[in-house]
N, C-alpha and C. Protein backbone atom coordinates (compact mmCIF):
# COMPACT_ATOMS: atom_id res chain seq x y z
N MET A 1 -19.11 8.85 -5.22
CA MET A 1 -19.75 8.55 -3.98
C MET A 1 -18.81 7.76 -2.82
N PHE A 2 -18.09 6.76 -3.38
CA PHE A 2 -17.30 6.25 -2.32
C PHE A 2 -15.99 6.62 -2.27
N GLN A 3 -15.70 8.05 -3.35
CA GLN A 3 -13.95 8.24 -2.89
C GLN A 3 -14.20 9.48 -1.53
N LYS A 4 -14.88 9.92 -1.01
CA LYS A 4 -14.89 10.33 -0.01
C LYS A 4 -14.90 10.10 1.79
N ILE A 5 -14.94 8.50 1.24
CA ILE A 5 -15.32 7.55 2.62
C ILE A 5 -13.78 7.19 2.81
N GLU A 6 -13.28 7.47 3.96
CA GLU A 6 -11.67 7.17 4.56
C GLU A 6 -11.58 6.11 4.37
N VAL A 7 -12.52 5.35 4.42
CA VAL A 7 -12.04 3.50 4.68
C VAL A 7 -12.46 3.17 3.25
N MET A 8 -12.81 3.73 2.80
CA MET A 8 -12.48 3.03 1.07
C MET A 8 -11.42 3.60 0.33
N GLN A 9 -10.98 4.94 0.58
CA GLN A 9 -9.76 5.55 0.64
C GLN A 9 -8.40 4.90 1.09
N MET A 10 -8.34 4.22 1.91
CA MET A 10 -7.66 3.71 3.02
C MET A 10 -7.24 2.08 1.83
N ALA A 11 -8.58 1.27 1.99
CA ALA A 11 -8.51 0.21 0.85
C ALA A 11 -8.11 0.19 -0.35
N ARG A 12 -8.53 1.46 -1.07
CA ARG A 12 -7.72 1.56 -2.44
C ARG A 12 -6.29 1.93 -2.62
N ALA A 13 -5.67 2.54 -1.51
CA ALA A 13 -5.06 3.21 -1.42
C ALA A 13 -3.47 2.10 -0.88
N MET A 14 -4.25 0.79 0.14
CA MET A 14 -3.43 -0.28 0.22
C MET A 14 -3.31 -1.41 -0.89
N GLY A 15 -4.30 -1.22 -1.83
CA GLY A 15 -4.46 -2.05 -3.19
C GLY A 15 -3.37 -1.64 -3.77
N HIS A 16 -3.14 -0.16 -3.91
CA HIS A 16 -2.52 0.65 -5.09
C HIS A 16 -1.02 0.05 -4.72
N HIS A 17 -0.74 0.34 -3.17
CA HIS A 17 0.58 0.07 -2.76
C HIS A 17 0.77 -1.34 -2.77
N VAL A 18 0.13 -2.33 -2.54
CA VAL A 18 0.58 -3.69 -3.02
C VAL A 18 0.67 -3.84 -4.23
N ALA A 19 -0.04 -3.35 -5.49
CA ALA A 19 0.45 -3.47 -6.83
C ALA A 19 1.48 -2.90 -7.18
N GLN A 20 1.82 -1.52 -6.73
CA GLN A 20 3.40 -0.70 -6.89
C GLN A 20 4.52 -1.88 -6.47
N ARG A 21 4.34 -2.51 -5.56
CA ARG A 21 5.12 -3.10 -4.63
C ARG A 21 5.61 -4.65 -5.15
N GLN A 22 4.33 -5.44 -5.72
CA GLN A 22 4.34 -6.29 -6.31
C GLN A 22 5.27 -6.36 -7.81
N ASN A 23 5.15 -4.87 -8.53
CA ASN A 23 5.82 -4.89 -9.43
C ASN A 23 7.07 -4.63 -9.42
N ILE A 24 7.64 -4.10 -8.36
CA ILE A 24 9.20 -3.86 -8.12
C ILE A 24 9.88 -5.33 -7.54
N VAL A 25 9.16 -6.04 -6.73
CA VAL A 25 9.27 -7.73 -6.56
C VAL A 25 9.57 -8.46 -7.74
N ALA A 26 8.56 -8.16 -8.58
CA ALA A 26 8.85 -9.17 -10.39
C ALA A 26 9.87 -8.40 -10.72
N ARG A 27 9.96 -7.56 -10.90
CA ARG A 27 11.30 -6.73 -11.14
C ARG A 27 12.56 -7.37 -10.88
N ASN A 28 12.85 -6.97 -9.43
CA ASN A 28 13.91 -7.79 -8.53
C ASN A 28 14.05 -9.53 -9.25
N ILE A 29 13.25 -10.21 -9.33
CA ILE A 29 13.22 -11.40 -9.30
C ILE A 29 13.58 -11.56 -10.99
N ALA A 30 13.56 -10.99 -11.63
CA ALA A 30 13.76 -11.36 -13.51
C ALA A 30 15.10 -10.65 -13.52
N ASN A 31 15.57 -9.53 -12.54
CA ASN A 31 16.91 -9.07 -12.69
C ASN A 31 17.66 -9.88 -11.41
N ALA A 32 17.56 -11.21 -11.66
CA ALA A 32 18.36 -11.70 -10.29
C ALA A 32 19.88 -12.12 -10.73
N ASP A 33 20.16 -11.97 -11.73
CA ASP A 33 21.56 -12.49 -12.72
C ASP A 33 21.68 -11.22 -13.04
N THR A 34 21.28 -10.72 -13.24
CA THR A 34 22.04 -9.23 -13.86
C THR A 34 22.95 -8.34 -13.14
N PRO A 35 24.44 -8.82 -13.63
CA PRO A 35 25.56 -7.84 -12.78
C PRO A 35 25.15 -6.51 -12.36
N GLY A 36 25.25 -6.46 -11.34
CA GLY A 36 25.41 -4.70 -10.63
C GLY A 36 23.75 -4.06 -10.37
N TYR A 37 22.69 -5.29 -10.57
CA TYR A 37 21.58 -4.38 -10.22
C TYR A 37 21.71 -4.65 -9.01
N LYS A 38 20.87 -3.95 -8.60
CA LYS A 38 20.36 -3.46 -7.17
C LYS A 38 19.00 -3.32 -6.69
N ALA A 39 18.69 -4.56 -5.50
CA ALA A 39 17.29 -5.00 -5.66
C ALA A 39 16.41 -3.64 -4.91
N GLN A 40 15.25 -3.42 -5.17
CA GLN A 40 14.77 -2.36 -4.68
C GLN A 40 13.67 -2.67 -3.61
N ASP A 41 12.47 -1.92 -3.21
CA ASP A 41 11.87 -1.88 -2.50
C ASP A 41 11.13 -0.45 -2.25
N LEU A 42 9.51 -0.45 -1.55
CA LEU A 42 9.03 0.52 -1.52
C LEU A 42 9.04 0.53 0.05
N GLN A 43 8.93 1.85 0.24
CA GLN A 43 8.49 1.95 1.69
C GLN A 43 6.82 1.39 2.31
N SER A 44 7.27 0.90 3.34
CA SER A 44 5.85 0.73 4.02
C SER A 44 4.65 1.19 3.58
N PHE A 45 3.54 0.76 3.73
CA PHE A 45 2.29 1.21 3.52
C PHE A 45 2.06 2.21 4.56
N GLU A 46 2.22 2.04 5.93
CA GLU A 46 2.42 2.99 6.98
C GLU A 46 3.03 4.13 6.60
N GLN A 47 4.01 4.04 6.13
CA GLN A 47 4.98 5.07 6.05
C GLN A 47 4.60 6.10 5.07
N SER A 48 3.95 5.53 4.13
CA SER A 48 3.66 6.00 2.68
C SER A 48 2.16 6.94 2.69
N TYR A 49 1.38 6.10 3.71
CA TYR A 49 0.19 6.55 3.43
C TYR A 49 -0.09 7.82 5.27
N GLN A 50 0.44 8.97 4.85
CA GLN A 50 0.15 9.77 6.07
C GLN A 50 -0.63 11.19 5.96
N ARG A 51 -0.29 11.78 7.05
CA ARG A 51 -1.22 13.25 6.88
C ARG A 51 -0.73 13.96 5.85
N ASP A 52 -1.96 14.50 4.79
CA ASP A 52 -1.74 15.24 4.50
C ASP A 52 -1.57 16.64 4.33
N SER A 53 -0.74 17.79 3.31
CA SER A 53 -0.44 19.04 3.86
C SER A 53 -1.53 19.98 3.41
N PHE A 54 -2.65 19.63 3.19
CA PHE A 54 -3.60 20.56 2.98
C PHE A 54 -4.14 20.84 3.89
N ALA A 55 -4.89 22.03 4.37
CA ALA A 55 -5.67 22.75 5.01
C ALA A 55 -7.00 22.32 5.47
N PRO A 56 -7.03 22.29 6.64
CA PRO A 56 -8.38 21.16 7.50
C PRO A 56 -9.37 21.78 6.89
N MET A 57 -10.32 21.21 6.69
CA MET A 57 -11.65 21.36 6.18
C MET A 57 -12.32 21.99 7.68
N ARG A 58 -13.52 23.11 7.14
CA ARG A 58 -14.03 24.00 8.11
C ARG A 58 -15.29 23.14 8.35
N THR A 59 -15.60 22.67 9.73
CA THR A 59 -16.61 22.01 10.35
C THR A 59 -17.53 23.56 10.52
N THR A 60 -19.04 23.27 10.65
CA THR A 60 -19.63 24.26 10.89
C THR A 60 -20.65 23.53 11.47
N ASN A 61 -20.72 22.20 11.82
CA ASN A 61 -21.40 21.88 13.19
C ASN A 61 -20.56 20.67 13.61
N ALA A 62 -21.02 20.60 15.29
CA ALA A 62 -20.11 19.60 15.71
C ALA A 62 -20.48 18.03 15.23
N ARG A 63 -21.54 17.91 14.63
CA ARG A 63 -21.59 16.67 14.04
C ARG A 63 -20.59 16.28 13.06
N HIS A 64 -20.48 17.19 12.20
CA HIS A 64 -19.70 17.33 10.91
C HIS A 64 -17.94 16.71 11.49
N PHE A 65 -17.78 16.12 9.94
CA PHE A 65 -16.44 15.29 10.35
C PHE A 65 -15.44 16.16 9.64
N ASP A 66 -14.41 15.79 10.85
CA ASP A 66 -13.00 16.47 10.58
C ASP A 66 -12.21 16.17 8.92
N THR A 67 -11.11 17.13 8.53
CA THR A 67 -10.44 16.10 7.62
C THR A 67 -9.64 15.06 7.92
N PRO A 68 -9.76 14.04 6.92
CA PRO A 68 -9.19 12.76 7.38
C PRO A 68 -7.71 13.19 7.76
N ASP A 69 -7.07 12.49 8.84
CA ASP A 69 -5.52 12.25 9.20
C ASP A 69 -4.79 12.27 7.79
N ARG A 70 -5.17 10.98 7.20
CA ARG A 70 -4.51 10.53 6.20
C ARG A 70 -4.49 10.40 4.95
N SER A 71 -3.61 10.27 4.10
CA SER A 71 -3.74 10.23 2.44
C SER A 71 -2.81 9.49 1.81
N LEU A 72 -2.47 9.01 0.88
CA LEU A 72 -1.51 8.59 0.51
C LEU A 72 -0.67 9.63 -0.82
N ILE A 73 0.57 9.50 -0.37
CA ILE A 73 0.80 10.70 -0.79
C ILE A 73 2.12 10.36 -1.68
N GLY A 74 2.21 8.56 -1.66
CA GLY A 74 3.13 8.00 -2.61
C GLY A 74 4.51 7.45 -2.15
N ALA A 75 4.40 6.32 -2.55
CA ALA A 75 6.00 5.57 -1.87
C ALA A 75 7.01 5.79 -2.38
N ARG A 76 8.09 6.04 -1.52
CA ARG A 76 9.46 6.02 -1.87
C ARG A 76 10.18 4.87 -2.49
N VAL A 77 10.74 4.60 -3.17
CA VAL A 77 11.65 3.22 -3.73
C VAL A 77 12.77 3.16 -2.65
N VAL A 78 13.29 2.12 -2.29
CA VAL A 78 14.05 2.11 -1.55
C VAL A 78 15.44 1.04 -2.36
N THR A 79 16.51 1.49 -2.27
CA THR A 79 17.44 0.36 -2.63
C THR A 79 17.84 -0.51 -2.03
N ASN A 80 18.24 -1.71 -2.06
CA ASN A 80 19.06 -2.63 -1.07
C ASN A 80 20.07 -2.61 -1.31
N GLU A 81 21.56 -2.19 -0.66
CA GLU A 81 22.63 -2.51 -0.38
C GLU A 81 23.23 -3.30 -0.07
N THR A 82 22.41 -4.38 0.99
CA THR A 82 23.17 -5.50 1.71
C THR A 82 23.10 -6.96 0.86
N GLY A 83 24.23 -7.46 1.18
CA GLY A 83 23.93 -8.97 0.12
C GLY A 83 24.47 -8.69 -0.79
N VAL A 84 25.86 -8.25 -1.33
CA VAL A 84 25.78 -8.00 -2.42
C VAL A 84 26.54 -9.26 -2.90
N SER A 85 26.22 -9.78 -3.94
CA SER A 85 26.94 -10.76 -4.64
C SER A 85 28.56 -10.42 -5.09
N PRO A 86 29.07 -11.34 -5.40
CA PRO A 86 30.69 -10.62 -6.32
C PRO A 86 30.36 -9.78 -7.67
N ASN A 87 29.43 -9.84 -8.36
CA ASN A 87 29.04 -9.69 -9.45
C ASN A 87 28.47 -8.19 -9.53
N GLY A 88 28.20 -7.87 -8.07
CA GLY A 88 27.44 -6.49 -7.72
C GLY A 88 25.63 -6.40 -7.84
N ASN A 89 24.92 -7.87 -7.77
CA ASN A 89 24.00 -7.93 -7.34
C ASN A 89 23.14 -8.12 -5.86
N SER A 90 22.55 -7.61 -6.20
CA SER A 90 22.01 -7.47 -4.05
C SER A 90 20.66 -8.31 -3.96
N VAL A 91 20.42 -8.80 -5.41
CA VAL A 91 19.05 -9.64 -5.11
C VAL A 91 19.34 -11.03 -4.37
N SER A 92 18.22 -11.10 -3.40
CA SER A 92 18.21 -12.23 -2.86
C SER A 92 16.75 -13.11 -3.03
N ILE A 93 16.53 -14.05 -3.94
CA ILE A 93 15.76 -14.77 -4.24
C ILE A 93 14.55 -15.31 -3.33
N GLU A 94 15.03 -15.42 -2.34
CA GLU A 94 14.49 -16.13 -0.88
C GLU A 94 13.71 -14.92 -0.51
N ASP A 95 14.50 -13.79 -0.34
CA ASP A 95 13.96 -12.64 -0.06
C ASP A 95 12.48 -11.89 -0.67
N GLU A 96 12.62 -11.98 -1.83
CA GLU A 96 11.68 -11.72 -2.84
C GLU A 96 10.66 -12.16 -2.56
N MET A 97 10.84 -14.07 -2.42
CA MET A 97 9.66 -14.64 -2.15
C MET A 97 9.09 -14.48 -0.56
N LEU A 98 9.89 -14.10 0.00
CA LEU A 98 8.81 -13.74 1.44
C LEU A 98 8.36 -12.49 1.16
N LYS A 99 8.85 -11.87 0.54
CA LYS A 99 7.92 -10.59 0.05
C LYS A 99 6.67 -10.30 -0.53
N ALA A 100 6.73 -11.50 -1.96
CA ALA A 100 5.77 -12.04 -2.34
C ALA A 100 4.29 -12.62 -1.49
N ALA A 101 5.06 -13.61 -0.60
CA ALA A 101 4.05 -14.07 0.24
C ALA A 101 3.41 -12.74 1.23
N GLU A 102 4.15 -11.84 1.52
CA GLU A 102 3.74 -10.63 2.64
C GLU A 102 2.74 -9.51 1.76
N LEU A 103 2.68 -10.05 0.41
CA LEU A 103 2.09 -9.20 -0.37
C LEU A 103 0.83 -9.80 -0.57
N LYS A 104 0.59 -11.24 -0.77
CA LYS A 104 -0.47 -11.55 -0.75
C LYS A 104 -1.41 -11.20 0.25
N ARG A 105 -0.81 -11.19 1.62
CA ARG A 105 -1.51 -11.28 2.63
C ARG A 105 -1.65 -9.59 2.82
N SER A 106 -1.24 -8.92 2.45
CA SER A 106 -1.57 -7.57 2.59
C SER A 106 -2.28 -7.35 1.18
N HIS A 107 -2.59 -7.91 -0.02
CA HIS A 107 -3.79 -7.70 -0.80
C HIS A 107 -5.04 -8.18 -0.33
N ASP A 108 -5.02 -9.23 0.52
CA ASP A 108 -6.20 -9.82 0.88
C ASP A 108 -6.75 -8.94 1.89
N LEU A 109 -5.72 -8.56 2.81
CA LEU A 109 -6.33 -7.50 3.99
C LEU A 109 -7.17 -6.21 3.29
N SER A 110 -6.32 -5.92 2.21
CA SER A 110 -7.25 -4.79 1.61
C SER A 110 -8.78 -5.21 0.92
N LEU A 111 -8.71 -6.26 0.42
CA LEU A 111 -9.72 -6.53 0.18
C LEU A 111 -10.96 -7.14 1.21
N GLY A 112 -10.45 -7.40 2.02
CA GLY A 112 -11.22 -7.70 3.55
C GLY A 112 -11.89 -6.39 4.03
N ILE A 113 -11.15 -5.31 3.67
CA ILE A 113 -11.27 -3.93 4.40
C ILE A 113 -12.34 -3.30 3.94
N TYR A 114 -12.01 -3.40 2.16
CA TYR A 114 -13.34 -2.73 1.76
C TYR A 114 -14.73 -3.85 1.44
N ARG A 115 -14.37 -5.14 1.38
CA ARG A 115 -15.89 -6.21 1.18
C ARG A 115 -16.65 -5.71 2.90
N SER A 116 -15.80 -5.73 4.26
CA SER A 116 -16.09 -5.04 5.40
C SER A 116 -16.82 -3.91 5.20
N ALA A 117 -16.30 -2.44 4.53
CA ALA A 117 -17.23 -1.33 4.20
C ALA A 117 -18.22 -1.48 3.40
N MET A 118 -18.41 -2.25 2.46
CA MET A 118 -19.29 -2.34 1.49
C MET A 118 -20.40 -3.15 2.21
N ASP A 119 -20.34 -4.10 3.27
CA ASP A 119 -21.24 -4.31 4.10
C ASP A 119 -22.00 -3.49 5.18
N LEU A 120 -20.84 -2.94 5.76
CA LEU A 120 -21.43 -1.99 6.72
C LEU A 120 -22.61 -0.87 5.73
N MET A 121 -21.98 -0.33 4.86
CA MET A 121 -23.08 0.50 4.04
C MET A 121 -23.95 -0.05 3.81
N ARG A 122 -24.34 -1.29 2.94
CA ARG A 122 -25.24 -1.85 2.41
C ARG A 122 -26.13 -2.31 3.88
N THR A 123 -25.70 -2.24 5.34
CA THR A 123 -26.57 -2.46 6.60
C THR A 123 -27.22 -1.33 6.68
N SER A 124 -26.22 -0.20 6.96
CA SER A 124 -26.40 0.91 6.78
C SER A 124 -28.08 1.48 5.81
N ILE A 125 -27.77 0.96 4.57
CA ILE A 125 -28.94 1.69 3.94
C ILE A 125 -29.89 0.78 4.20
N GLY A 126 -30.06 -0.49 4.80
CA GLY A 126 -31.13 -1.31 5.19
C GLY A 126 -31.29 -2.69 3.86
N ARG A 127 -30.04 -2.64 3.19
CA ARG A 127 -29.84 -3.89 2.51
C ARG A 127 -29.13 -5.11 3.08
N ARG A 128 -29.35 -6.22 2.74
CA ARG A 128 -28.19 -7.27 3.03
C ARG A 128 -27.36 -7.38 2.74
N ALA A 129 -26.14 -8.00 3.39
CA ALA A 129 -25.15 -8.42 2.43
C ALA A 129 -24.98 -9.53 1.58
C-alpha cells in the first residue's frame, strides 16, 4: 500500500542511498593504507533520484495524480583522484569522517520524512500519532 506513495518512495530511496554511501565510506576508511587505492563516493541523492523514462500514466479525471516526476535510478560510483599520496592512495580520513557525519544527518532526515508521512496518514484516517 505504501509503495505507491511518492513521499514514502523518496524516504525509502534516500535511506537506501545513505546505506550504499555508508558502505563506500567504510570501504574507503578500511583501505586508507592500501597502496594504489582510489577513494570512491556516490553521486549525490539529488542527482540519482531523477525523472524516470517510463511513459506517463493516463489520468481520466482532473482529480487524479500524474506520474511522479522522480524515481530512484541508481547512484553512480565516482572515483576521487585528488590528493593522491606518494603510494598512490587517495583516501583522506578527515574527508571520510566528514562524509560519515553528513550520512548521519541524511539518515536522520530520511527517517524524519518517513515519520512525518506516517503521522500525516494516521491523522488522515482518524488515528492519533
